[in-house]
């Protein structure tokens, strides 16, 4: 009797990651793969095409054509054709990319909006994105370089809200980029090479091609894995802090005229890390604004270093000390 051919280890690893992510969804749901045609999303599409039917899920792909480079329509058509060869229904959606926040951020905003809109229209429960462990490491390193705090160092979450009630799932955050390439080779899939991935005008490309290799060479292997572990640990810490904040806020926050107020004594009694998070949380929840580190510290001085200073103008609101309360009102 002939032995059954062994499954390529890279294919097996990607399939296991996808199976784990999809197993939380109830049978009968639809999932979409965000397919660029690159190795990561192509390996993800192949694994989803294999695993989704076994879990009773319907699967399709959606390719966003940003129109930012010559031949983008051809690349999108090629990706959709590969999806169909895997047994997936495939859709191509052209988008217009604005200019806010720079080209990368603007493209991401347009892409995510289109994914949420199309997924909702198709009745899809989740969109799967092909971000890998390497992408996570690059994100954490970029956040560290910008000095933007623990939130940015948390990197990308395995599951997030995309919009319109659609979840964004990242099954491959524990999978190396080399593994997705190996999985494509094993399945005779030819990935598209995005020219932007080699364009050193982008900070992420410089991190990928220059910074991480130097760190690996000088500090030893395992840097990418260490950065990804850091993101997981910080997300765990953030979740614990969020629970503490919710419990604390119920006792110390009161609604005020045109705003909200917080007990000075309660804020002063809390550790600085929790106090700062409460301040940021209150402003974000009540006024939809994010505070910088400097702004947060200035507000905290109204609690811990009070010397009669006046109101502080913040994005969307104003903070001032009124008796024993820290009051935030709309500006």
Protein backbone atom coordinates (compact mmCIF):
# COMPACT_ATOMS: atom_id res chain seq x y z
CA UNK A 1 0.00 0.00 0.00
CA UNK A 2 1.36 3.41 -0.96
CA UNK A 3 2.02 5.76 1.93
CA UNK A 4 -0.01 8.94 1.97
CA UNK A 5 2.09 11.96 0.98
CA UNK A 6 3.12 13.99 4.00
CA UNK A 7 1.73 17.49 4.41
CA UNK A 8 4.29 20.23 3.98
CA UNK A 9 5.12 21.68 7.45
CA UNK A 10 4.60 25.27 6.28
CA UNK A 11 1.17 24.45 4.85
CA UNK A 12 0.28 22.60 8.04
CA UNK A 13 1.33 25.55 10.23
CA UNK A 14 -0.71 28.06 8.26
CA UNK A 15 -3.75 25.78 8.17
CA UNK A 16 -3.58 25.23 11.94
CA UNK A 17 -3.43 28.97 12.57
CA UNK A 18 -6.46 29.55 10.33
CA UNK A 19 -8.39 26.64 11.83
CA UNK A 20 -7.81 28.01 15.33
CA UNK A 21 -9.06 31.47 14.37
CA UNK A 22 -12.11 30.22 12.49
CA UNK A 23 -13.17 27.67 15.11
CA UNK A 24 -14.75 30.43 17.22
CA UNK A 25 -17.26 31.22 14.46
CA UNK A 26 -20.58 29.35 14.30
CA UNK A 27 -21.27 27.16 11.25
CA UNK A 28 -23.13 28.84 8.42
CA UNK A 29 -21.28 32.15 8.67
CA UNK A 30 -19.40 33.78 5.80
CA UNK A 31 -15.78 34.90 6.07
CA UNK A 32 -13.77 36.99 3.63
CA UNK A 33 -10.04 36.86 3.00
CA UNK A 34 -8.46 40.24 2.32
CA UNK A 35 -6.32 39.13 -0.61
CA UNK A 36 -3.61 41.34 -2.07
CA UNK A 37 -1.96 38.49 -3.95
CA UNK A 38 1.21 38.67 -1.84
CA UNK A 39 2.60 35.55 -0.15
CA UNK A 40 1.00 36.22 3.23
CA UNK A 41 -2.55 36.76 2.00
CA UNK A 42 -2.23 34.07 -0.67
CA UNK A 43 -1.16 31.45 1.88
CA UNK A 44 -4.01 32.65 4.10
CA UNK A 45 -6.50 32.29 1.23
CA UNK A 46 -5.34 28.76 0.45
CA UNK A 47 -5.61 27.70 4.09
CA UNK A 48 -9.03 29.32 4.45
CA UNK A 49 -10.30 27.62 1.30
CA UNK A 50 -9.26 24.30 2.85
CA UNK A 51 -10.34 24.84 6.45
CA UNK A 52 -13.55 26.90 6.19
CA UNK A 53 -15.74 24.21 4.57
CA UNK A 54 -14.63 21.67 7.20
CA UNK A 55 -16.01 24.05 9.85
CA UNK A 56 -19.24 24.66 7.97
CA UNK A 57 -18.23 28.18 6.95
CA UNK A 58 -18.59 29.89 3.59
CA UNK A 59 -15.44 31.62 2.38
CA UNK A 60 -14.71 34.18 -0.29
CA UNK A 61 -11.96 36.66 -1.08
CA UNK A 62 -11.96 40.40 -1.61
CA UNK A 63 -9.14 42.27 -3.31
CA UNK A 64 -8.88 46.02 -2.85
CA UNK A 65 -7.43 47.89 -5.82
CA UNK A 66 -5.96 51.12 -4.43
CA UNK A 67 -5.01 52.34 -7.90
CA UNK A 68 -1.75 53.75 -6.55
CA UNK A 69 0.64 52.15 -9.02
CA UNK A 70 0.75 51.20 -12.66
CA UNK A 71 -0.75 47.76 -13.28
CA UNK A 72 -2.70 47.62 -10.01
CA UNK A 73 -5.84 46.48 -11.84
CA UNK A 74 -3.91 43.62 -13.44
CA UNK A 75 -2.45 42.62 -10.07
CA UNK A 76 -5.93 42.63 -8.53
CA UNK A 77 -7.31 40.51 -11.37
CA UNK A 78 -4.46 38.04 -10.96
CA UNK A 79 -5.11 37.74 -7.21
CA UNK A 80 -8.82 37.17 -7.81
CA UNK A 81 -8.00 34.51 -10.40
CA UNK A 82 -5.81 32.67 -7.92
CA UNK A 83 -8.59 32.83 -5.33
CA UNK A 84 -11.00 31.27 -7.80
CA UNK A 85 -8.48 28.52 -8.57
CA UNK A 86 -8.54 27.73 -4.84
CA UNK A 87 -12.32 27.40 -4.93
CA UNK A 88 -13.12 30.80 -3.44
CA UNK A 89 -15.60 33.29 -4.80
CA UNK A 90 -13.60 36.44 -5.51
CA UNK A 91 -14.47 40.10 -5.67
CA UNK A 92 -12.37 43.13 -6.69
CA UNK A 93 -13.20 46.53 -5.20
CA UNK A 94 -11.50 49.72 -6.49
CA UNK A 95 -11.10 52.52 -3.93
CA UNK A 96 -10.03 56.14 -3.98
CA UNK A 97 -7.18 56.89 -1.59
CA UNK A 98 -7.06 60.29 0.07
CA UNK A 99 -4.05 62.12 1.46
CA UNK A 100 -4.72 62.38 5.20
CA UNK A 101 -1.94 60.96 7.36
CA UNK A 102 0.38 60.11 4.48
CA UNK A 103 0.11 57.47 1.74
CA UNK A 104 0.29 54.38 3.97
CA UNK A 105 -2.29 55.60 6.47
CA UNK A 106 -4.60 56.91 3.75
CA UNK A 107 -4.45 53.60 1.85
CA UNK A 108 -5.13 51.66 5.06
CA UNK A 109 -8.13 53.87 5.89
CA UNK A 110 -9.61 53.43 2.41
CA UNK A 111 -8.92 49.69 2.46
CA UNK A 112 -10.49 49.02 5.85
CA UNK A 113 -13.54 51.13 5.05
CA UNK A 114 -14.07 49.18 1.82
CA UNK A 115 -13.55 45.84 3.55
CA UNK A 116 -16.10 46.70 6.24
CA UNK A 117 -18.62 47.96 3.69
CA UNK A 118 -18.30 44.97 1.36
CA UNK A 119 -18.29 42.42 4.17
CA UNK A 120 -21.45 43.93 5.64
CA UNK A 121 -23.14 43.93 2.23
CA UNK A 122 -22.24 40.26 1.75
CA UNK A 123 -23.37 39.31 5.25
CA UNK A 124 -19.84 38.25 6.23
CA UNK A 125 -19.11 37.82 9.92
CA UNK A 126 -15.35 38.39 9.67
CA UNK A 127 -12.56 39.53 7.38
CA UNK A 128 -9.24 37.68 7.60
CA UNK A 129 -6.02 39.65 7.11
CA UNK A 130 -2.62 38.10 6.42
CA UNK A 131 -0.47 40.04 8.90
CA UNK A 132 2.37 37.85 10.13
CA UNK A 133 4.68 37.75 13.14
CA UNK A 134 7.18 39.78 11.11
CA UNK A 135 4.56 42.48 10.49
CA UNK A 136 3.86 42.52 14.21
CA UNK A 137 7.54 42.91 15.07
CA UNK A 138 7.87 45.79 12.61
CA UNK A 139 4.81 47.49 14.07
CA UNK A 140 6.15 47.23 17.63
CA UNK A 141 9.57 48.52 16.60
CA UNK A 142 8.05 51.48 14.75
CA UNK A 143 5.92 52.28 17.81
CA UNK A 144 9.01 52.13 20.01
CA UNK A 145 10.90 54.48 17.70
CA UNK A 146 8.05 56.99 17.75
CA UNK A 147 7.88 56.92 21.54
CA UNK A 148 4.10 56.76 21.38
CA UNK A 149 3.59 54.69 24.51
CA UNK A 150 2.36 51.27 25.49
CA UNK A 151 -0.70 51.42 23.25
CA UNK A 152 1.39 51.45 20.06
CA UNK A 153 3.71 48.78 21.46
CA UNK A 154 0.73 46.43 21.75
CA UNK A 155 0.95 46.08 17.99
CA UNK A 156 -1.92 44.51 16.10
CA UNK A 157 -4.59 42.56 17.95
CA UNK A 158 -5.50 39.05 16.75
CA UNK A 159 -9.12 40.20 16.63
CA UNK A 160 -10.49 43.72 16.28
CA UNK A 161 -13.63 45.54 15.22
CA UNK A 162 -13.43 46.45 11.55
CA UNK A 163 -16.73 48.32 11.48
CA UNK A 164 -20.36 47.70 10.57
CA UNK A 165 -20.42 44.77 13.00
CA UNK A 166 -17.65 42.94 11.11
CA UNK A 167 -14.64 41.49 12.93
CA UNK A 168 -11.09 41.78 11.60
CA UNK A 169 -9.17 38.56 12.34
CA UNK A 170 -5.41 38.12 11.98
CA UNK A 171 -4.79 34.36 12.18
CA UNK A 172 -1.12 34.53 11.12
CA UNK A 173 0.29 36.82 13.84
CA UNK A 174 2.22 33.84 15.21
CA UNK A 175 3.47 32.72 11.78
CA UNK A 176 6.71 33.93 10.20
CA UNK A 177 6.73 35.52 6.76
CA UNK A 178 9.16 32.85 5.57
CA UNK A 179 6.55 30.24 6.44
CA UNK A 180 3.87 31.83 4.26
CA UNK A 181 6.32 31.94 1.37
CA UNK A 182 7.18 28.29 1.91
CA UNK A 183 3.48 27.42 2.03
CA UNK A 184 2.95 29.14 -1.32
CA UNK A 185 5.84 27.24 -2.88
CA UNK A 186 4.52 23.94 -1.55
CA UNK A 187 1.09 24.66 -3.04
CA UNK A 188 2.51 25.87 -6.39
CA UNK A 189 1.11 29.35 -5.79
CA UNK A 190 3.06 32.28 -7.23
CA UNK A 191 2.73 35.41 -5.04
CA UNK A 192 2.63 38.94 -6.38
CA UNK A 193 5.58 41.08 -5.29
CA UNK A 194 4.30 44.53 -4.35
CA UNK A 195 6.89 47.14 -5.44
CA UNK A 196 5.99 49.22 -2.39
CA UNK A 197 7.42 46.45 -0.20
CA UNK A 198 10.88 47.32 -1.52
CA UNK A 199 10.45 51.10 -1.54
CA UNK A 200 12.76 52.50 1.14
CA UNK A 201 10.81 55.75 1.27
CA UNK A 202 8.53 53.88 3.66
CA UNK A 203 9.70 53.53 7.26
CA UNK A 204 8.31 50.01 7.50
CA UNK A 205 10.46 48.90 4.56
CA UNK A 206 13.57 50.36 6.17
CA UNK A 207 12.76 48.53 9.39
CA UNK A 208 12.27 45.28 7.46
CA UNK A 209 15.34 45.49 5.26
CA UNK A 210 17.85 47.29 7.47
CA UNK A 211 16.91 47.66 11.15
CA UNK A 212 15.66 44.17 12.03
CA UNK A 213 18.51 42.38 10.20
CA UNK A 214 21.05 44.52 12.09
CA UNK A 215 19.35 43.74 15.42
CA UNK A 216 19.37 40.05 14.58
CA UNK A 217 23.06 40.19 13.62
CA UNK A 218 24.18 42.20 16.65
CA UNK A 219 21.89 40.82 19.38
CA UNK A 220 21.30 37.31 18.13
CA UNK A 221 18.33 35.54 16.52
CA UNK A 222 14.82 35.73 17.90
CA UNK A 223 14.37 39.52 17.88
CA UNK A 224 11.16 39.36 15.86
CA UNK A 225 9.69 36.74 18.18
CA UNK A 226 10.70 38.80 21.23
CA UNK A 227 9.02 41.91 19.84
CA UNK A 228 5.85 39.93 19.10
CA UNK A 229 5.86 38.51 22.65
CA UNK A 230 6.18 42.04 23.99
CA UNK A 231 3.05 43.02 22.08
CA UNK A 232 1.11 40.10 23.58
CA UNK A 233 2.24 40.92 27.12
CA UNK A 234 1.34 44.59 26.76
CA UNK A 235 -2.11 43.71 25.42
CA UNK A 236 -2.62 41.52 28.47
CA UNK A 237 -1.54 44.38 30.73
CA UNK A 238 -3.82 46.80 28.87
CA UNK A 239 -6.79 44.47 29.27
CA UNK A 240 -6.15 44.26 33.01
CA UNK A 241 -5.84 48.04 33.27
CA UNK A 242 -9.05 48.48 31.27
CA UNK A 243 -10.93 46.26 33.71
CA UNK A 244 -9.52 48.21 36.66
CA UNK A 245 -10.44 51.51 35.01
CA UNK A 246 -14.04 50.43 34.41
CA UNK A 247 -14.42 49.33 38.01
CA UNK A 248 -12.84 52.53 39.33
CA UNK A 249 -14.72 54.93 37.07
CA UNK A 250 -18.08 53.71 38.33
CA UNK A 251 -17.19 55.06 41.78
CA UNK A 252 -15.33 58.30 40.99
CA UNK A 253 -16.98 59.80 37.89
CA UNK A 254 -20.06 61.99 37.87
CA UNK A 255 -21.83 63.81 35.07
CA UNK A 256 -21.42 67.58 35.16
CA UNK A 257 -23.00 70.39 33.20
CA UNK A 258 -21.77 70.09 29.59
CA UNK A 259 -19.30 67.42 30.59
CA UNK A 260 -18.06 65.05 33.24
CA UNK A 261 -16.11 65.30 36.51
CA UNK A 262 -13.78 63.00 38.42
CA UNK A 263 -12.96 62.88 42.13
CA UNK A 264 -9.61 64.56 42.86
CA UNK A 265 -9.08 62.49 46.00
CA UNK A 266 -9.72 59.22 44.18
CA UNK A 267 -7.37 60.14 41.34
CA UNK A 268 -4.66 61.16 43.78
CA UNK A 269 -5.01 57.87 45.65
CA UNK A 270 -4.37 55.80 42.53
CA UNK A 271 -0.92 54.98 41.09
CA UNK A 272 0.25 57.35 38.36
CA UNK A 273 -0.17 54.75 35.60
CA UNK A 274 -3.81 54.15 36.51
CA UNK A 275 -4.48 57.86 37.08
CA UNK A 276 -3.16 58.74 33.62
CA UNK A 277 -5.18 55.98 31.98
CA UNK A 278 -8.35 57.18 33.71
CA UNK A 279 -7.77 60.72 32.44
CA UNK A 280 -7.19 59.50 28.87
CA UNK A 281 -10.16 57.15 29.07
CA UNK A 282 -12.54 59.85 30.30
CA UNK A 283 -11.54 62.27 27.54
CA UNK A 284 -11.74 59.60 24.83
CA UNK A 285 -15.07 58.19 26.01
CA UNK A 286 -16.79 61.53 26.62
CA UNK A 287 -15.32 63.71 23.86
CA UNK A 288 -13.85 61.25 21.35
CA UNK A 289 -10.37 62.78 21.62
CA UNK A 290 -6.94 61.30 22.27
CA UNK A 291 -4.46 62.97 24.61
CA UNK A 292 -0.72 63.05 24.14
CA UNK A 293 1.60 62.14 26.98
CA UNK A 294 2.35 65.84 27.58
CA UNK A 295 -1.34 66.75 27.71
CA UNK A 296 -2.09 63.89 30.09
CA UNK A 297 0.68 64.96 32.47
CA UNK A 298 -0.56 68.57 32.44
CA UNK A 299 -4.05 67.43 33.42
CA UNK A 300 -2.61 65.16 36.10
CA UNK A 301 -0.81 68.18 37.63
CA UNK A 302 -4.26 69.57 38.46
CA UNK A 303 -4.50 66.60 40.80
CA UNK A 304 -0.99 66.08 42.14
CA UNK A 305 0.65 69.51 41.82
CA UNK A 306 -2.17 71.96 42.34
CA UNK A 307 -1.08 75.58 42.77
CA UNK A 308 -4.11 77.44 41.49
CA UNK A 309 -3.42 76.98 37.76
CA UNK A 310 -6.27 77.72 35.40
CA UNK A 311 -8.12 75.57 32.87
CA UNK A 312 -6.21 73.47 30.32
CA UNK A 313 -7.41 73.44 26.72
CA UNK A 314 -7.43 69.93 25.27
CA UNK A 315 -8.63 68.43 21.98
CA UNK A 316 -12.42 68.75 22.07
CA UNK A 317 -12.64 69.74 25.72
CA UNK A 318 -11.26 71.78 28.61
CA UNK A 319 -10.05 70.49 31.98
CA UNK A 320 -10.15 72.47 35.21
CA UNK A 321 -10.14 71.86 38.93
CA UNK A 322 -13.36 72.82 40.68
CA UNK A 323 -13.25 72.20 44.41
CA UNK A 324 -12.64 68.52 44.94
CA UNK A 325 -13.45 67.57 41.36
CA UNK A 326 -11.53 67.47 38.09
CA UNK A 327 -14.04 68.75 35.56
CA UNK A 328 -13.98 68.17 31.80
CA UNK A 329 -16.31 70.27 29.65
CA UNK A 330 -16.79 70.58 25.92
CA UNK A 331 -14.72 73.35 24.36
